[in-house]
Amino acid sequence: MTSDLGHTGGKTLSEDEDNGLDDIVTEEMLWERIPETTGLERANTYYELSARIYARGQYDEALALAETARDIYTELGAVAPADGLAQAYSAIGYNLNQLKRNSEAATAMSKAVDLLRESKSPLAIDLACTLGEWCFGAKDYEKTIECMRECVQEHLVDGNESGAANDLHLIGCAHRELGQHEKSLEAFREARALFKSLKEVINVARCDQKIAHALVELGLGEEALIAAQKSLDVFVTAHDHRRETYSLLEVGKAQILTGQEQDGLDTLERVLEIATESEWKDFEFIVEIERHIAGVLRQLGRLDEADEIERRLTSVTEVIEDE
């Protein structure tokens, strides 16, 4: 959250300075100004205070100030510029997001985006992208897709191919969470094409890894193996060990899918070794690897080993899975 958006509607601090006030307007001066102001100036002052206090990390207090600013802008009705009300909603959204109230944050930011789009503000696209990320964080994947589709079109119209590629990548992730693997594959391929045109090597590889995942889910093992290997080659070259591990997992899954069960098992065991040697244990990732290992052990007829893995995983998943 910054105060830049707040200055688009009504008197700004720089304009106050031009009127002969001190060059630096302190927080104390803003508090003192409140009883002396009304209407738009009062709303702008509350918003400025909210921005200052947000910067200090006092999100509850900053939220209350932003809500007060919103109420004043709303009471002013047509007298207040749309960007003023939008600034208040965006401030409310940022504070709610910091307070981990994700769903409420997305609702507030959605209102800000709608107001800015109505006024054809160039600031709308950036807040819309933020909204899409928040919707994803709140697990509202349908809303993520809806929001980011609009962002893709706006970015392409503006000639911002990098922005559109990132939008498409998030769309692909949302489709993947919904189990819509064909749509996920389409989005990641579109994103990859844009990233490739921009020569963004790491981002191309990120798409290849996710393309491989979608292809595995669709049962297209040969294609998945090619995509997974491409992503692995980039991450090994870049010494990006964390992403290398995720690509290696897709290689193993694709090997199993193409009938290379023993090679796939060897790859998965290598991935498991890397994951468990990490100082910070990602148990969800470890469980995913072990489940795939148990599956291929069954294919190889090693049932006792598969049963033992699944027995152990029960204890872990009782802790980490949602109730």
Protein backbone atom coordinates (compact mmCIF):
# COMPACT_ATOMS: atom_id res chain seq x y z
CA MET A 1 0.00 0.00 0.00
CA THR A 2 1.33 3.41 -0.88
CA SER A 3 -0.14 6.85 -0.70
CA ASP A 4 0.27 7.48 -4.44
CA LEU A 5 -3.23 6.34 -5.36
CA GLY A 6 -4.72 8.49 -2.64
CA HIS A 7 -3.39 11.64 -4.23
CA THR A 8 -5.26 11.20 -7.48
CA GLY A 9 -8.49 12.57 -6.05
CA GLY A 10 -8.46 15.95 -4.28
CA LYS A 11 -5.77 18.05 -2.66
CA THR A 12 -2.40 16.32 -2.23
CA LEU A 13 0.30 16.93 0.31
CA SER A 14 2.52 18.45 -2.36
CA GLU A 15 -0.24 20.93 -3.14
CA ASP A 16 -0.40 21.82 0.55
CA GLU A 17 3.31 22.49 0.48
CA ASP A 18 2.86 24.81 -2.49
CA ASN A 19 0.37 26.71 -0.36
CA GLY A 20 3.13 27.56 2.11
CA LEU A 21 3.08 24.72 4.66
CA ASP A 22 6.26 23.09 5.91
CA ASP A 23 8.14 20.93 3.41
CA ILE A 24 7.72 17.87 5.62
CA VAL A 25 4.23 17.05 6.89
CA THR A 26 4.66 14.91 9.99
CA GLU A 27 2.25 12.34 11.33
CA GLU A 28 1.59 14.60 14.32
CA MET A 29 0.63 17.43 11.95
CA LEU A 30 -1.81 15.13 10.17
CA TRP A 31 -3.49 14.21 13.47
CA GLU A 32 -3.74 17.90 14.35
CA ARG A 33 -5.26 18.66 10.98
CA ILE A 34 -8.27 16.33 11.44
CA PRO A 35 -10.39 18.57 13.75
CA GLU A 36 -9.72 21.51 11.43
CA THR A 37 -10.85 19.82 8.21
CA THR A 38 -14.07 18.60 6.66
CA GLY A 39 -15.17 16.73 3.60
CA LEU A 40 -12.61 15.71 1.01
CA GLU A 41 -9.63 17.16 2.84
CA ARG A 42 -10.61 15.26 6.00
CA ALA A 43 -10.94 12.01 4.05
CA ASN A 44 -7.56 12.53 2.39
CA THR A 45 -5.97 13.20 5.79
CA TYR A 46 -7.34 9.96 7.23
CA TYR A 47 -6.02 8.13 4.20
CA GLU A 48 -2.55 9.70 4.58
CA LEU A 49 -2.47 8.66 8.23
CA SER A 50 -3.50 5.15 7.27
CA ALA A 51 -0.63 4.96 4.78
CA ARG A 52 1.91 6.19 7.34
CA ILE A 53 0.75 3.76 10.00
CA TYR A 54 0.59 0.88 7.51
CA ALA A 55 4.27 1.51 6.75
CA ARG A 56 5.02 0.96 10.45
CA GLY A 57 3.25 -2.39 10.41
CA GLN A 58 0.35 -1.36 12.68
CA TYR A 59 -2.28 -2.88 10.42
CA ASP A 60 -5.27 -2.86 12.80
CA GLU A 61 -4.95 0.87 13.39
CA ALA A 62 -4.23 1.58 9.73
CA LEU A 63 -7.31 -0.45 8.76
CA ALA A 64 -9.55 1.59 11.07
CA LEU A 65 -8.24 4.85 9.57
CA ALA A 66 -8.74 3.59 6.01
CA GLU A 67 -12.31 2.54 6.86
CA THR A 68 -12.97 6.02 8.24
CA ALA A 69 -11.63 7.55 5.03
CA ARG A 70 -13.89 5.23 3.02
CA ASP A 71 -16.94 6.25 5.04
CA ILE A 72 -16.26 9.95 4.46
CA TYR A 73 -15.70 9.47 0.72
CA THR A 74 -18.94 7.48 0.56
CA GLU A 75 -20.90 10.17 2.43
CA LEU A 76 -19.58 12.82 0.03
CA GLY A 77 -21.10 10.90 -2.88
CA ALA A 78 -20.63 12.54 -6.28
CA VAL A 79 -18.59 15.35 -4.72
CA ALA A 80 -15.74 12.92 -4.06
CA PRO A 81 -13.75 11.64 -7.04
CA ALA A 82 -14.01 7.91 -7.70
CA ASP A 83 -10.28 7.52 -7.21
CA GLY A 84 -10.66 8.79 -3.64
CA LEU A 85 -13.05 6.02 -2.71
CA ALA A 86 -10.90 3.52 -4.62
CA GLN A 87 -7.84 4.56 -2.63
CA ALA A 88 -9.67 3.85 0.62
CA TYR A 89 -10.85 0.42 -0.53
CA SER A 90 -7.35 -0.49 -1.71
CA ALA A 91 -5.93 0.59 1.67
CA ILE A 92 -8.53 -1.51 3.45
CA GLY A 93 -7.59 -4.44 1.23
CA TYR A 94 -3.86 -4.15 1.88
CA ASN A 95 -4.37 -4.01 5.64
CA LEU A 96 -6.78 -6.95 5.65
CA ASN A 97 -4.29 -8.91 3.56
CA GLN A 98 -1.54 -8.24 6.10
CA LEU A 99 -3.93 -9.37 8.85
CA LYS A 100 -4.43 -12.66 6.93
CA ARG A 101 -8.12 -11.92 6.36
CA ASN A 102 -7.70 -12.97 2.74
CA SER A 103 -11.30 -13.24 1.62
CA GLU A 104 -12.22 -9.83 3.04
CA ALA A 105 -9.07 -8.32 1.50
CA ALA A 106 -10.03 -9.62 -1.94
CA THR A 107 -13.56 -8.21 -1.59
CA ALA A 108 -12.24 -4.75 -0.71
CA MET A 109 -9.66 -4.76 -3.50
CA SER A 110 -12.32 -5.89 -5.97
CA LYS A 111 -14.32 -2.76 -5.16
CA ALA A 112 -11.23 -0.61 -5.68
CA VAL A 113 -10.55 -2.21 -9.06
CA ASP A 114 -14.15 -1.75 -10.21
CA LEU A 115 -14.07 1.95 -9.30
CA LEU A 116 -10.75 2.52 -11.06
CA ARG A 117 -11.89 0.71 -14.18
CA GLU A 118 -15.05 2.83 -14.27
CA SER A 119 -12.90 5.96 -14.17
CA LYS A 120 -10.48 4.43 -16.71
CA SER A 121 -7.58 4.90 -14.31
CA PRO A 122 -4.24 3.40 -15.43
CA LEU A 123 -3.79 2.23 -11.84
CA ALA A 124 -6.57 -0.35 -12.25
CA ILE A 125 -4.42 -2.99 -13.94
CA ASP A 126 -1.83 -3.16 -11.16
CA LEU A 127 -4.46 -3.49 -8.45
CA ALA A 128 -6.33 -6.05 -10.55
CA CYS A 129 -3.19 -8.20 -10.72
CA THR A 130 -2.82 -7.89 -6.95
CA LEU A 131 -6.47 -8.91 -6.59
CA GLY A 132 -5.89 -12.01 -8.70
CA GLU A 133 -2.95 -13.04 -6.52
CA TRP A 134 -5.02 -12.52 -3.37
CA CYS A 135 -7.91 -14.55 -4.77
CA PHE A 136 -5.45 -17.34 -5.47
CA GLY A 137 -4.12 -17.09 -1.93
CA ALA A 138 -7.69 -17.26 -0.65
CA LYS A 139 -8.22 -20.39 -2.78
CA ASP A 140 -10.92 -18.66 -4.83
CA TYR A 141 -9.57 -20.07 -8.07
CA GLU A 142 -12.58 -19.27 -10.24
CA LYS A 143 -12.33 -15.61 -9.24
CA THR A 144 -8.58 -15.73 -9.91
CA ILE A 145 -9.18 -16.91 -13.47
CA GLU A 146 -11.90 -14.35 -14.10
CA CYS A 147 -9.77 -11.50 -12.78
CA MET A 148 -6.55 -12.48 -14.54
CA ARG A 149 -8.25 -13.03 -17.91
CA GLU A 150 -9.14 -9.35 -17.93
CA CYS A 151 -5.57 -8.50 -16.95
CA VAL A 152 -4.18 -10.55 -19.85
CA GLN A 153 -6.23 -8.58 -22.37
CA GLU A 154 -5.33 -5.23 -20.81
CA HIS A 155 -1.63 -6.07 -20.72
CA LEU A 156 -1.66 -7.20 -24.35
CA VAL A 157 -3.44 -4.01 -25.42
CA ASP A 158 -0.77 -2.04 -23.55
CA GLY A 159 1.98 -4.07 -25.23
CA ASN A 160 3.11 -5.52 -21.91
CA GLU A 161 3.84 -9.11 -22.92
CA SER A 162 5.72 -9.87 -19.70
CA GLY A 163 2.68 -8.84 -17.66
CA ALA A 164 0.38 -10.95 -19.84
CA ALA A 165 2.70 -13.95 -19.50
CA ASN A 166 2.65 -13.69 -15.71
CA ASP A 167 -1.14 -13.38 -15.79
CA LEU A 168 -1.42 -16.53 -17.89
CA HIS A 169 0.95 -18.38 -15.56
CA LEU A 170 -1.32 -17.60 -12.61
CA ILE A 171 -4.37 -18.65 -14.65
CA GLY A 172 -2.65 -21.96 -15.35
CA CYS A 173 -1.94 -22.45 -11.64
CA ALA A 174 -5.61 -21.75 -10.80
CA HIS A 175 -6.86 -24.25 -13.39
CA ARG A 176 -4.40 -26.80 -12.00
CA GLU A 177 -5.78 -26.34 -8.48
CA LEU A 178 -9.26 -26.94 -9.89
CA GLY A 179 -8.09 -30.13 -11.59
CA GLN A 180 -8.76 -28.61 -15.03
CA HIS A 181 -5.58 -29.95 -16.60
CA GLU A 182 -6.40 -29.30 -20.26
CA LYS A 183 -7.14 -25.64 -19.53
CA SER A 184 -4.07 -25.48 -17.31
CA LEU A 185 -1.94 -26.86 -20.13
CA GLU A 186 -3.33 -24.30 -22.58
CA ALA A 187 -2.59 -21.38 -20.24
CA PHE A 188 0.96 -22.52 -19.47
CA ARG A 189 1.70 -23.00 -23.16
CA GLU A 190 0.47 -19.48 -23.92
CA ALA A 191 2.57 -18.09 -21.08
CA ARG A 192 5.60 -20.06 -22.26
CA ALA A 193 5.34 -18.65 -25.77
CA LEU A 194 5.34 -15.09 -24.42
CA PHE A 195 8.20 -15.74 -22.01
CA LYS A 196 10.21 -17.34 -24.80
CA SER A 197 9.68 -14.32 -27.06
CA LEU A 198 11.09 -12.21 -24.21
CA LYS A 199 14.00 -14.65 -23.68
CA GLU A 200 13.04 -15.09 -20.01
CA VAL A 201 14.79 -18.44 -19.64
CA ILE A 202 13.85 -19.26 -16.04
CA ASN A 203 10.19 -18.40 -16.63
CA VAL A 204 10.11 -20.59 -19.74
CA ALA A 205 11.43 -23.45 -17.61
CA ARG A 206 8.85 -22.76 -14.89
CA CYS A 207 6.17 -23.17 -17.55
CA ASP A 208 7.78 -26.35 -18.89
CA GLN A 209 7.74 -27.90 -15.42
CA LYS A 210 4.04 -27.13 -15.03
CA ILE A 211 3.30 -28.24 -18.60
CA ALA A 212 4.94 -31.56 -17.71
CA HIS A 213 2.71 -31.85 -14.64
CA ALA A 214 -0.44 -31.24 -16.72
CA LEU A 215 0.67 -33.75 -19.36
CA VAL A 216 1.30 -36.38 -16.68
CA GLU A 217 -2.20 -35.81 -15.30
CA LEU A 218 -3.57 -36.20 -18.84
CA GLY A 219 -1.66 -39.46 -19.29
CA LEU A 220 0.65 -38.12 -22.02
CA GLY A 221 3.90 -39.56 -20.72
CA GLU A 222 6.20 -39.06 -23.70
CA GLU A 223 5.31 -35.38 -24.06
CA ALA A 224 5.55 -34.93 -20.31
CA LEU A 225 9.04 -36.42 -20.21
CA ILE A 226 10.24 -34.03 -22.92
CA ALA A 227 8.82 -30.97 -21.13
CA ALA A 228 10.11 -32.09 -17.72
CA GLN A 229 13.61 -32.70 -19.10
CA LYS A 230 13.67 -29.25 -20.72
CA SER A 231 12.81 -27.59 -17.43
CA LEU A 232 15.34 -29.74 -15.57
CA ASP A 233 18.11 -28.78 -18.00
CA VAL A 234 17.52 -25.08 -17.37
CA PHE A 235 17.38 -25.35 -13.59
CA VAL A 236 20.50 -27.54 -13.44
CA THR A 237 22.32 -25.02 -15.63
CA ALA A 238 21.10 -22.15 -13.45
CA HIS A 239 21.98 -24.03 -10.22
CA ASP A 240 18.40 -23.41 -9.10
CA HIS A 241 18.28 -26.44 -6.84
CA ARG A 242 14.79 -25.91 -5.42
CA ARG A 243 13.13 -25.77 -8.85
CA GLU A 244 15.43 -28.53 -10.11
CA THR A 245 13.90 -30.82 -7.50
CA TYR A 246 10.33 -30.12 -8.67
CA SER A 247 11.31 -30.76 -12.30
CA LEU A 248 13.02 -34.00 -11.32
CA LEU A 249 9.78 -35.15 -9.70
CA GLU A 250 7.95 -34.64 -13.01
CA VAL A 251 10.72 -36.55 -14.82
CA GLY A 252 10.20 -39.49 -12.46
CA LYS A 253 6.42 -39.44 -12.86
CA ALA A 254 6.74 -39.28 -16.65
CA GLN A 255 9.22 -42.17 -16.67
CA ILE A 256 6.75 -44.32 -14.77
CA LEU A 257 3.96 -43.32 -17.13
CA THR A 258 6.03 -44.39 -20.14
CA GLY A 259 6.75 -47.84 -18.69
CA GLN A 260 10.20 -47.05 -17.27
CA GLU A 261 9.19 -48.03 -13.76
CA GLN A 262 12.64 -48.79 -12.36
CA ASP A 263 14.13 -45.59 -13.82
CA GLY A 264 11.18 -43.68 -12.43
CA LEU A 265 11.67 -45.24 -8.99
CA ASP A 266 15.37 -44.34 -9.02
CA THR A 267 14.51 -40.75 -9.97
CA LEU A 268 11.86 -40.44 -7.26
CA GLU A 269 14.22 -41.82 -4.62
CA ARG A 270 16.78 -39.23 -5.69
CA VAL A 271 14.15 -36.50 -5.33
CA LEU A 272 13.21 -37.83 -1.88
CA GLU A 273 16.84 -37.80 -0.79
CA ILE A 274 17.21 -34.15 -1.83
CA ALA A 275 13.94 -33.15 -0.16
CA THR A 276 14.72 -34.86 3.14
CA GLU A 277 18.27 -33.53 3.29
CA SER A 278 16.98 -29.97 3.08
CA GLU A 279 17.28 -28.00 6.32
CA TRP A 280 13.63 -26.97 6.04
CA LYS A 281 11.36 -29.97 5.54
CA ASP A 282 8.44 -29.47 3.14
CA PHE A 283 6.32 -32.33 4.42
CA GLU A 284 3.58 -31.91 1.82
CA PHE A 285 6.18 -32.29 -0.94
CA ILE A 286 7.82 -35.25 0.82
CA VAL A 287 4.45 -36.97 1.19
CA GLU A 288 3.71 -36.43 -2.50
CA ILE A 289 7.03 -38.03 -3.47
CA GLU A 290 6.54 -41.00 -1.15
CA ARG A 291 3.03 -41.61 -2.46
CA HIS A 292 4.40 -41.84 -6.00
CA ILE A 293 7.14 -44.16 -4.75
CA ALA A 294 4.54 -46.39 -3.10
CA GLY A 295 2.57 -46.47 -6.33
CA VAL A 296 5.51 -47.57 -8.48
CA LEU A 297 6.57 -50.15 -5.87
CA ARG A 298 3.13 -51.72 -6.27
CA GLN A 299 3.62 -51.78 -10.04
CA LEU A 300 6.92 -53.57 -9.46
CA GLY A 301 5.26 -56.10 -7.16
CA ARG A 302 7.01 -54.87 -4.01
CA LEU A 303 3.81 -54.74 -2.01
CA ASP A 304 5.21 -54.97 1.51
CA GLU A 305 7.44 -51.94 0.93
CA ALA A 306 4.51 -50.00 -0.52
CA ASP A 307 2.32 -50.91 2.46
CA GLU A 308 4.98 -49.74 4.91
CA ILE A 309 5.33 -46.36 3.18
CA GLU A 310 1.57 -45.85 3.17
CA ARG A 311 1.37 -46.80 6.85
CA ARG A 312 4.00 -44.18 7.74
CA LEU A 313 2.33 -41.52 5.62
CA THR A 314 -0.91 -41.92 7.55
CA SER A 315 0.79 -40.53 10.66
CA VAL A 316 2.19 -37.55 8.78
CA THR A 317 -0.97 -36.67 6.87
CA GLU A 318 -3.03 -36.64 10.07
CA VAL A 319 -0.95 -33.63 11.07
CA ILE A 320 -0.56 -31.67 7.83
CA GLU A 321 -3.86 -32.21 5.98
CA ASP A 322 -6.81 -29.88 6.50
CA GLU A 323 -9.53 -31.15 8.78
